PDB file of N, CA and C in Angstrom:
ATOM      1  N   MET A   1      96.307-171.329 -48.182  1.00  0.00           N
ATOM      2  CA  MET A   1      96.726-169.856 -47.992  1.00  0.00           C
ATOM      3  C   MET A   1      97.579-169.837 -47.036  1.00  0.00           C
ATOM      4  N   THR A   2      98.829-169.036 -47.705  1.00  0.00           N
ATOM      5  CA  THR A   2     100.037-168.539 -46.363  1.00  0.00           C
ATOM      6  C   THR A   2      99.539-167.267 -45.687  1.00  0.00           C
ATOM      7  N   THR A   3     100.570-167.265 -44.882  1.00  0.00           N
ATOM      8  CA  THR A   3     100.406-166.055 -43.708  1.00  0.00           C
ATOM      9  C   THR A   3     101.628-165.538 -43.533  1.00  0.00           C
ATOM     10  N   ALA A   4     102.477-165.383 -45.063  1.00  0.00           N
ATOM     11  CA  ALA A   4     103.655-164.764 -44.945  1.00  0.00           C
ATOM     12  C   ALA A   4     103.293-163.523 -45.072  1.00  0.00           C
ATOM     13  N   HIS A   5     102.312-162.810 -45.622  1.00  0.00           N
ATOM     14  CA  HIS A   5     102.240-161.282 -45.782  1.00  0.00           C
ATOM     15  C   HIS A   5     102.142-160.717 -44.209  1.00  0.00           C
ATOM     16  N   LEU A   6     101.530-161.672 -43.319  1.00  0.00           N
ATOM     17  CA  LEU A   6     100.936-161.247 -41.792  1.00  0.00           C
ATOM     18  C   LEU A   6     102.477-161.112 -40.895  1.00  0.00           C
ATOM     19  N   LEU A   7     103.399-161.619 -41.390  1.00  0.00           N
ATOM     20  CA  LEU A   7     104.746-161.752 -40.476  1.00  0.00           C
ATOM     21  C   LEU A   7     105.203-160.560 -40.180  1.00  0.00           C
ATOM     22  N   VAL A   8     105.946-160.059 -39.078  1.00  0.00           N
ATOM     23  CA  VAL A   8     106.189-158.778 -38.970  1.00  0.00           C
ATOM     24  C   VAL A   8     107.579-158.980 -38.707  1.00  0.00           C
ATOM     25  N   PRO A   9     108.558-158.055 -39.690  1.00  0.00           N
ATOM     26  CA  PRO A   9     110.121-158.468 -39.730  1.00  0.00           C
ATOM     27  C   PRO A   9     110.660-157.844 -38.305  1.00  0.00           C
ATOM     28  N   VAL A  10     111.399-158.761 -37.628  1.00  0.00           N
ATOM     29  CA  VAL A  10     111.817-158.696 -36.686  1.00  0.00           C
ATOM     30  C   VAL A  10     113.483-158.383 -36.566  1.00  0.00           C
ATOM     31  N   PRO A  11     114.175-157.596 -36.261  1.00  0.00           N
ATOM     32  CA  PRO A  11     115.668-156.982 -36.163  1.00  0.00           C
ATOM     33  C   PRO A  11     116.078-158.234 -35.551  1.00  0.00           C
ATOM     34  N   ILE A  12     117.456-158.771 -36.513  1.00  0.00           N
ATOM     35  CA  ILE A  12     118.328-159.536 -35.655  1.00  0.00           C
ATOM     36  C   ILE A  12     119.303-158.782 -35.088  1.00  0.00           C
ATOM     37  N   PRO A  13     119.701-159.532 -33.772  1.00  0.00           N
ATOM     38  CA  PRO A  13     121.333-159.432 -33.212  1.00  0.00           C
ATOM     39  C   PRO A  13     122.455-158.861 -34.316  1.00  0.00           C
ATOM     40  N   ASP A  14     123.539-157.928 -34.372  1.00  0.00           N
ATOM     41  CA  ASP A  14     124.310-158.235 -34.797  1.00  0.00           C
ATOM     42  C   ASP A  14     125.218-159.352 -35.324  1.00  0.00           C
ATOM     43  N   ARG A  15     125.779-159.651 -34.058  1.00  0.00           N
ATOM     44  CA  ARG A  15     126.412-161.212 -34.042  1.00  0.00           C
ATOM     45  C   ARG A  15     125.836-162.118 -34.985  1.00  0.00           C
ATOM     46  N   VAL A  16     124.380-162.494 -34.999  1.00  0.00           N
ATOM     47  CA  VAL A  16     123.637-163.354 -35.596  1.00  0.00           C
ATOM     48  C   VAL A  16     123.875-163.031 -36.641  1.00  0.00           C
ATOM     49  N   ALA A  17     123.680-161.927 -37.270  1.00  0.00           N
ATOM     50  CA  ALA A  17     123.832-161.476 -38.718  1.00  0.00           C
ATOM     51  C   ALA A  17     125.403-161.691 -39.403  1.00  0.00           C
ATOM     52  N   ALA A  18     126.157-161.225 -38.169  1.00  0.00           N
ATOM     53  CA  ALA A  18     127.569-162.148 -38.612  1.00  0.00           C
ATOM     54  C   ALA A  18     128.204-163.286 -39.080  1.00  0.00           C
ATOM     55  N   LEU A  19     126.992-164.524 -38.064  1.00  0.00           N
ATOM     56  CA  LEU A  19     127.190-165.647 -38.193  1.00  0.00           C
ATOM     57  C   LEU A  19     126.548-166.085 -39.330  1.00  0.00           C
ATOM     58  N   ILE A  20     125.326-165.631 -39.669  1.00  0.00           N
ATOM     59  CA  ILE A  20     125.100-165.863 -41.139  1.00  0.00           C
ATOM     60  C   ILE A  20     125.869-165.438 -42.184  1.00  0.00           C
ATOM     61  N   GLY A  21     126.424-164.414 -42.029  1.00  0.00           N
ATOM     62  CA  GLY A  21     127.171-163.758 -43.254  1.00  0.00           C
ATOM     63  C   GLY A  21     128.221-164.199 -43.424  1.00  0.00           C
ATOM     64  N   ALA A  22     128.832-165.315 -42.206  1.00  0.00           N
ATOM     65  CA  ALA A  22     130.241-166.185 -42.493  1.00  0.00           C
ATOM     66  C   ALA A  22     129.780-167.316 -43.311  1.00  0.00           C
ATOM     67  N   CYS A  23     128.545-167.561 -42.969  1.00  0.00           N
ATOM     68  CA  CYS A  23     128.225-168.823 -43.979  1.00  0.00           C
ATOM     69  C   CYS A  23     127.808-168.891 -45.534  1.00  0.00           C
ATOM     70  N   ILE A  24     127.694-167.755 -46.219  1.00  0.00           N
ATOM     71  CA  ILE A  24     127.469-167.176 -47.302  1.00  0.00           C
ATOM     72  C   ILE A  24     128.682-166.617 -48.304  1.00  0.00           C
ATOM     73  N   PRO A  25     128.843-167.218 -49.309  1.00  0.00           N
ATOM     74  CA  PRO A  25     130.096-166.787 -49.879  1.00  0.00           C
ATOM     75  C   PRO A  25     130.205-165.113 -50.168  1.00  0.00           C
ATOM     76  N   PRO A  26     131.503-164.719 -49.912  1.00  0.00           N
ATOM     77  CA  PRO A  26     131.691-163.227 -50.157  1.00  0.00           C
ATOM     78  C   PRO A  26     130.821-162.502 -51.638  1.00  0.00           C
ATOM     79  N   HIS A  27     131.244-163.260 -52.661  1.00  0.00           N
ATOM     80  CA  HIS A  27     130.698-162.675 -53.837  1.00  0.00           C
ATOM     81  C   HIS A  27     129.169-162.308 -53.753  1.00  0.00           C
ATOM     82  N   VAL A  28     128.678-163.819 -53.083  1.00  0.00           N
ATOM     83  CA  VAL A  28     127.134-163.435 -52.781  1.00  0.00           C
ATOM     84  C   VAL A  28     126.553-162.243 -52.146  1.00  0.00           C
ATOM     85  N   LEU A  29     127.115-162.312 -51.167  1.00  0.00           N
ATOM     86  CA  LEU A  29     126.793-161.012 -50.128  1.00  0.00           C
ATOM     87  C   LEU A  29     127.315-159.674 -50.751  1.00  0.00           C
ATOM     88  N   GLU A  30     128.220-159.476 -51.593  1.00  0.00           N
ATOM     89  CA  GLU A  30     128.300-158.607 -52.606  1.00  0.00           C
ATOM     90  C   GLU A  30     127.485-158.307 -53.402  1.00  0.00           C
ATOM     91  N   ALA A  31     126.880-159.068 -54.184  1.00  0.00           N
ATOM     92  CA  ALA A  31     125.991-159.170 -55.049  1.00  0.00           C
ATOM     93  C   ALA A  31     124.136-158.829 -54.374  1.00  0.00           C
ATOM     94  N   GLU A  32     124.388-159.239 -53.233  1.00  0.00           N
ATOM     95  CA  GLU A  32     123.097-158.781 -52.610  1.00  0.00           C
ATOM     96  C   GLU A  32     123.037-157.383 -52.199  1.00  0.00           C
ATOM     97  N   PHE A  33     124.301-156.982 -51.698  1.00  0.00           N
ATOM     98  CA  PHE A  33     124.539-155.040 -51.752  1.00  0.00           C
ATOM     99  C   PHE A  33     124.081-154.739 -52.933  1.00  0.00           C
ATOM    100  N   ASP A  34     124.810-154.985 -53.747  1.00  0.00           N
ATOM    101  CA  ASP A  34     124.693-154.397 -55.194  1.00  0.00           C
ATOM    102  C   ASP A  34     123.280-154.383 -55.789  1.00  0.00           C
ATOM    103  N   ALA A  35     122.548-155.453 -55.477  1.00  0.00           N
ATOM    104  CA  ALA A  35     121.224-155.613 -55.820  1.00  0.00           C
ATOM    105  C   ALA A  35     120.286-154.604 -55.111  1.00  0.00           C
ATOM    106  N   ASP A  36     120.447-154.687 -53.531  1.00  0.00           N
ATOM    107  CA  ASP A  36     119.911-153.767 -52.728  1.00  0.00           C
ATOM    108  C   ASP A  36     119.909-152.293 -53.413  1.00  0.00           C
ATOM    109  N   SER A  37     121.109-151.990 -53.350  1.00  0.00           N
ATOM    110  CA  SER A  37     121.589-150.600 -54.090  1.00  0.00           C
ATOM    111  C   SER A  37     120.684-150.124 -55.342  1.00  0.00           C
ATOM    112  N   ALA A  38     120.809-150.960 -56.500  1.00  0.00           N
ATOM    113  CA  ALA A  38     120.541-150.704 -57.700  1.00  0.00           C
ATOM    114  C   ALA A  38     118.565-150.679 -57.610  1.00  0.00           C
ATOM    115  N   ALA A  39     118.479-151.604 -56.892  1.00  0.00           N
ATOM    116  CA  ALA A  39     116.747-151.118 -56.362  1.00  0.00           C
ATOM    117  C   ALA A  39     116.492-150.418 -56.114  1.00  0.00           C
ATOM    118  N   ARG A  40     117.409-149.597 -55.198  1.00  0.00           N
ATOM    119  CA  ARG A  40     116.906-148.135 -54.674  1.00  0.00           C
ATOM    120  C   ARG A  40     117.126-147.171 -55.486  1.00  0.00           C
ATOM    121  N   GLU A  41     117.913-147.213 -56.325  1.00  0.00           N
ATOM    122  CA  GLU A  41     118.301-146.560 -57.476  1.00  0.00           C
ATOM    123  C   GLU A  41     117.182-146.443 -58.725  1.00  0.00           C
ATOM    124  N   VAL A  42     116.884-147.550 -58.731  1.00  0.00           N
ATOM    125  CA  VAL A  42     115.385-147.999 -59.866  1.00  0.00           C
ATOM    126  C   VAL A  42     114.332-147.385 -59.613  1.00  0.00           C
ATOM    127  N   LEU A  43     114.056-147.171 -58.329  1.00  0.00           N
ATOM    128  CA  LEU A  43     113.138-146.461 -57.433  1.00  0.00           C
ATOM    129  C   LEU A  43     112.873-145.076 -57.610  1.00  0.00           C
ATOM    130  N   ARG A  44     114.449-144.229 -57.598  1.00  0.00           N
ATOM    131  CA  ARG A  44     114.371-143.076 -57.770  1.00  0.00           C
ATOM    132  C   ARG A  44     114.211-142.212 -58.844  1.00  0.00           C
ATOM    133  N   PHE A  45     113.819-143.336 -59.961  1.00  0.00           N
ATOM    134  CA  PHE A  45     113.673-142.695 -61.465  1.00  0.00           C
ATOM    135  C   PHE A  45     112.300-142.934 -61.555  1.00  0.00           C
ATOM    136  N   ARG A  46     111.099-143.105 -61.064  1.00  0.00           N
ATOM    137  CA  ARG A  46     109.979-143.181 -61.402  1.00  0.00           C
ATOM    138  C   ARG A  46     109.344-141.796 -62.168  1.00  0.00           C
ATOM    139  N   GLY A  47     108.223-142.107 -63.152  1.00  0.00           N
ATOM    140  CA  GLY A  47     107.208-141.123 -63.724  1.00  0.00           C
ATOM    141  C   GLY A  47     107.227-141.089 -65.361  1.00  0.00           C
ATOM    142  N   PRO A  48     106.466-140.935 -65.905  1.00  0.00           N
ATOM    143  CA  PRO A  48     106.439-140.794 -67.460  1.00  0.00           C
ATOM    144  C   PRO A  48     107.119-140.201 -68.359  1.00  0.00           C
ATOM    145  N   LEU A  49     107.598-138.771 -67.506  1.00  0.00           N
ATOM    146  CA  LEU A  49     108.350-137.838 -68.283  1.00  0.00           C
ATOM    147  C   LEU A  49     109.379-137.791 -67.643  1.00  0.00           C
ATOM    148  N   LEU A  50     110.782-138.651 -68.472  1.00  0.00           N
ATOM    149  CA  LEU A  50     112.038-138.754 -67.388  1.00  0.00           C
ATOM    150  C   LEU A  50     112.822-138.109 -68.434  1.00  0.00           C
ATOM    151  N   CYS A  51     113.829-137.011 -68.432  1.00  0.00           N
ATOM    152  CA  CYS A  51     114.700-136.603 -69.249  1.00  0.00           C
ATOM    153  C   CYS A  51     115.740-137.906 -69.791  1.00  0.00           C
ATOM    154  N   PRO A  52     116.168-137.533 -70.833  1.00  0.00           N
ATOM    155  CA  PRO A  52     117.513-138.702 -71.257  1.00  0.00           C
ATOM    156  C   PRO A  52     118.467-139.225 -70.153  1.00  0.00           C
ATOM    157  N   GLU A  53     119.064-138.249 -69.641  1.00  0.00           N
ATOM    158  CA  GLU A  53     119.885-138.396 -68.694  1.00  0.00           C
ATOM    159  C   GLU A  53     119.075-139.385 -67.851  1.00  0.00           C
ATOM    160  N   ASP A  54     118.088-139.115 -66.940  1.00  0.00           N
ATOM    161  CA  ASP A  54     117.454-139.863 -66.066  1.00  0.00           C
ATOM    162  C   ASP A  54     117.082-141.512 -66.570  1.00  0.00           C
ATOM    163  N   GLN A  55     116.907-141.228 -67.933  1.00  0.00           N
ATOM    164  CA  GLN A  55     116.338-142.594 -68.608  1.00  0.00           C
ATOM    165  C   GLN A  55     117.877-143.487 -68.874  1.00  0.00           C
ATOM    166  N   ALA A  56     118.512-142.795 -69.070  1.00  0.00           N
ATOM    167  CA  ALA A  56     120.002-143.547 -69.285  1.00  0.00           C
ATOM    168  C   ALA A  56     120.385-143.978 -67.787  1.00  0.00           C
ATOM    169  N   ASP A  57     120.531-143.588 -67.012  1.00  0.00           N
ATOM    170  CA  ASP A  57     120.294-143.818 -65.256  1.00  0.00           C
ATOM    171  C   ASP A  57     119.674-144.620 -64.677  1.00  0.00           C
ATOM    172  N   ARG A  58     118.323-144.637 -65.229  1.00  0.00           N
ATOM    173  CA  ARG A  58     117.436-146.102 -64.679  1.00  0.00           C
ATOM    174  C   ARG A  58     118.153-147.358 -65.354  1.00  0.00           C
ATOM    175  N   GLU A  59     117.968-146.956 -66.772  1.00  0.00           N
ATOM    176  CA  GLU A  59     118.315-148.593 -67.338  1.00  0.00           C
ATOM    177  C   GLU A  59     119.920-148.801 -66.679  1.00  0.00           C
ATOM    178  N   GLN A  60     120.587-147.961 -66.468  1.00  0.00           N
ATOM    179  CA  GLN A  60     121.771-148.577 -66.144  1.00  0.00           C
ATOM    180  C   GLN A  60     121.626-149.296 -64.325  1.00  0.00           C
ATOM    181  N   ALA A  61     120.920-148.805 -63.609  1.00  0.00           N
ATOM    182  CA  ALA A  61     120.727-149.543 -62.514  1.00  0.00           C
ATOM    183  C   ALA A  61     119.562-150.515 -62.767  1.00  0.00           C
ATOM    184  N   LEU A  62     119.007-150.981 -63.769  1.00  0.00           N
ATOM    185  CA  LEU A  62     118.438-151.887 -63.839  1.00  0.00           C
ATOM    186  C   LEU A  62     119.195-152.952 -64.510  1.00  0.00           C
ATOM    187  N   SER A  63     120.215-152.591 -65.265  1.00  0.00           N
ATOM    188  CA  SER A  63     121.330-153.198 -65.600  1.00  0.00           C
ATOM    189  C   SER A  63     121.870-153.703 -64.398  1.00  0.00           C
ATOM    190  N   GLU A  64     122.426-152.852 -63.742  1.00  0.00           N
ATOM    191  CA  GLU A  64     123.225-153.627 -62.404  1.00  0.00           C
ATOM    192  C   GLU A  64     122.561-154.707 -61.570  1.00  0.00           C
ATOM    193  N   LEU A  65     121.245-154.423 -61.339  1.00  0.00           N
ATOM    194  CA  LEU A  65     120.373-155.216 -60.806  1.00  0.00           C
ATOM    195  C   LEU A  65     120.203-156.462 -61.454  1.00  0.00           C
ATOM    196  N   ALA A  66     119.808-156.773 -62.442  1.00  0.00           N
ATOM    197  CA  ALA A  66     119.861-158.221 -63.664  1.00  0.00           C
ATOM    198  C   ALA A  66     121.366-158.683 -63.458  1.00  0.00           C
ATOM    199  N   ARG A  67     122.384-157.841 -63.330  1.00  0.00           N
ATOM    200  CA  ARG A  67     123.611-158.852 -62.911  1.00  0.00           C
ATOM    201  C   ARG A  67     123.665-159.217 -61.545  1.00  0.00           C
ATOM    202  N   ALA A  68     123.353-158.586 -60.603  1.00  0.00           N
ATOM    203  CA  ALA A  68     123.316-158.769 -59.367  1.00  0.00           C
ATOM    204  C   ALA A  68     122.526-159.978 -58.901  1.00  0.00           C
ATOM    205  N   ASN A  69     121.040-160.196 -59.566  1.00  0.00           N
ATOM    206  CA  ASN A  69     120.411-160.911 -59.056  1.00  0.00           C
ATOM    207  C   ASN A  69     120.505-162.197 -60.247  1.00  0.00           C
ATOM    208  N   LYS A  70     121.354-162.295 -61.069  1.00  0.00           N
ATOM    209  CA  LYS A  70     121.957-163.512 -61.752  1.00  0.00           C
ATOM    210  C   LYS A  70     122.780-163.922 -60.893  1.00  0.00           C
ATOM    211  N   VAL A  71     123.731-163.660 -60.176  1.00  0.00           N
ATOM    212  CA  VAL A  71     124.432-164.161 -59.132  1.00  0.00           C
ATOM    213  C   VAL A  71     123.536-164.737 -57.815  1.00  0.00           C
ATOM    214  N   LEU A  72     122.682-164.088 -57.397  1.00  0.00           N
ATOM    215  CA  LEU A  72     121.890-164.282 -56.143  1.00  0.00           C
ATOM    216  C   LEU A  72     121.119-165.539 -56.602  1.00  0.00           C
ATOM    217  N   ALA A  73     120.852-165.955 -57.596  1.00  0.00           N
ATOM    218  CA  ALA A  73     119.660-166.668 -58.598  1.00  0.00           C
ATOM    219  C   ALA A  73     120.483-168.287 -58.354  1.00  0.00           C
ATOM    220  N   ALA A  74     121.726-167.915 -58.678  1.00  0.00           N
ATOM    221  CA  ALA A  74     122.482-168.878 -59.224  1.00  0.00           C
ATOM    222  C   ALA A  74     123.033-169.517 -57.638  1.00  0.00           C
ATOM    223  N   HIS A  75     122.707-168.734 -56.556  1.00  0.00           N
ATOM    224  CA  HIS A  75     123.270-169.224 -55.306  1.00  0.00           C
ATOM    225  C   HIS A  75     121.636-169.871 -54.184  1.00  0.00           C
ATOM    226  N   HIS A  76     120.966-168.970 -54.553  1.00  0.00           N
ATOM    227  CA  HIS A  76     119.788-169.490 -54.072  1.00  0.00           C
ATOM    228  C   HIS A  76     118.336-168.645 -54.735  1.00  0.00           C
ATOM    229  N   PRO A  77     117.268-169.103 -55.419  1.00  0.00           N
ATOM    230  CA  PRO A  77     116.474-168.333 -56.423  1.00  0.00           C
ATOM    231  C   PRO A  77     115.341-167.640 -55.118  1.00  0.00           C
ATOM    232  N   GLY A  78     115.695-167.787 -53.855  1.00  0.00           N
ATOM    233  CA  GLY A  78     114.819-166.930 -53.084  1.00  0.00           C
ATOM    234  C   GLY A  78     115.438-165.534 -52.379  1.00  0.00           C
ATOM    235  N   LEU A  79     116.727-165.744 -53.081  1.00  0.00           N
ATOM    236  CA  LEU A  79     117.317-164.184 -52.651  1.00  0.00           C
ATOM    237  C   LEU A  79     117.362-162.767 -53.759  1.00  0.00           C
ATOM    238  N   LEU A  80     116.397-163.314 -54.607  1.00  0.00           N
ATOM    239  CA  LEU A  80     116.230-162.377 -55.851  1.00  0.00           C
ATOM    240  C   LEU A  80     115.629-161.264 -54.958  1.00  0.00           C
ATOM    241  N   VAL A  81     115.763-159.824 -55.748  1.00  0.00           N
ATOM    242  CA  VAL A  81     115.847-158.347 -55.235  1.00  0.00           C
ATOM    243  C   VAL A  81     114.731-157.819 -56.504  1.00  0.00           C
ATOM    244  N   ARG A  82     113.999-157.045 -56.383  1.00  0.00           N
ATOM    245  CA  ARG A  82     112.864-156.770 -56.892  1.00  0.00           C
ATOM    246  C   ARG A  82     112.712-154.994 -56.319  1.00  0.00           C
ATOM    247  N   PRO A  83     112.839-154.155 -57.225  1.00  0.00           N
ATOM    248  CA  PRO A  83     112.626-152.829 -56.944  1.00  0.00           C
ATOM    249  C   PRO A  83     111.222-152.633 -56.071  1.00  0.00           C
ATOM    250  N   GLY A  84     110.890-151.974 -55.017  1.00  0.00           N
ATOM    251  CA  GLY A  84     109.883-151.857 -53.874  1.00  0.00           C
ATOM    252  C   GLY A  84     109.521-153.038 -53.236  1.00  0.00           C
ATOM    253  N   ARG A  85     110.239-154.219 -53.132  1.00  0.00           N
ATOM    254  CA  ARG A  85     109.690-155.210 -52.355  1.00  0.00           C
ATOM    255  C   ARG A  85     110.565-155.072 -50.869  1.00  0.00           C
ATOM    256  N   VAL A  86     109.901-155.184 -49.895  1.00  0.00           N
ATOM    257  CA  VAL A  86     110.703-155.071 -48.764  1.00  0.00           C
ATOM    258  C   VAL A  86     111.061-156.002 -48.428  1.00  0.00           C
ATOM    259  N   ARG A  87     112.305-156.334 -47.517  1.00  0.00           N
ATOM    260  CA  ARG A  87     113.497-157.356 -47.156  1.00  0.00           C
ATOM    261  C   ARG A  87     112.851-157.365 -45.899  1.00  0.00           C
TER     262      ARG A  87
END
């Protein structure tokens, strides 16, 4: 059994984040940003009764999330973003 669920997220300094970001290709960073945004957008449209416009917006956000996750998975499978998952 792992204790990964017991770990407390610790904020990292901006300089460390910049160093990490410098090691990752720009298209992967952009895909990560897009995936996080799309995952938040998907969570906005929850509920059993959505109007057709909201259903279309949710499907669009799911499409954007899948597209970004495809780029992330090609770089590293552990980078995948799921709606509602805390990073």
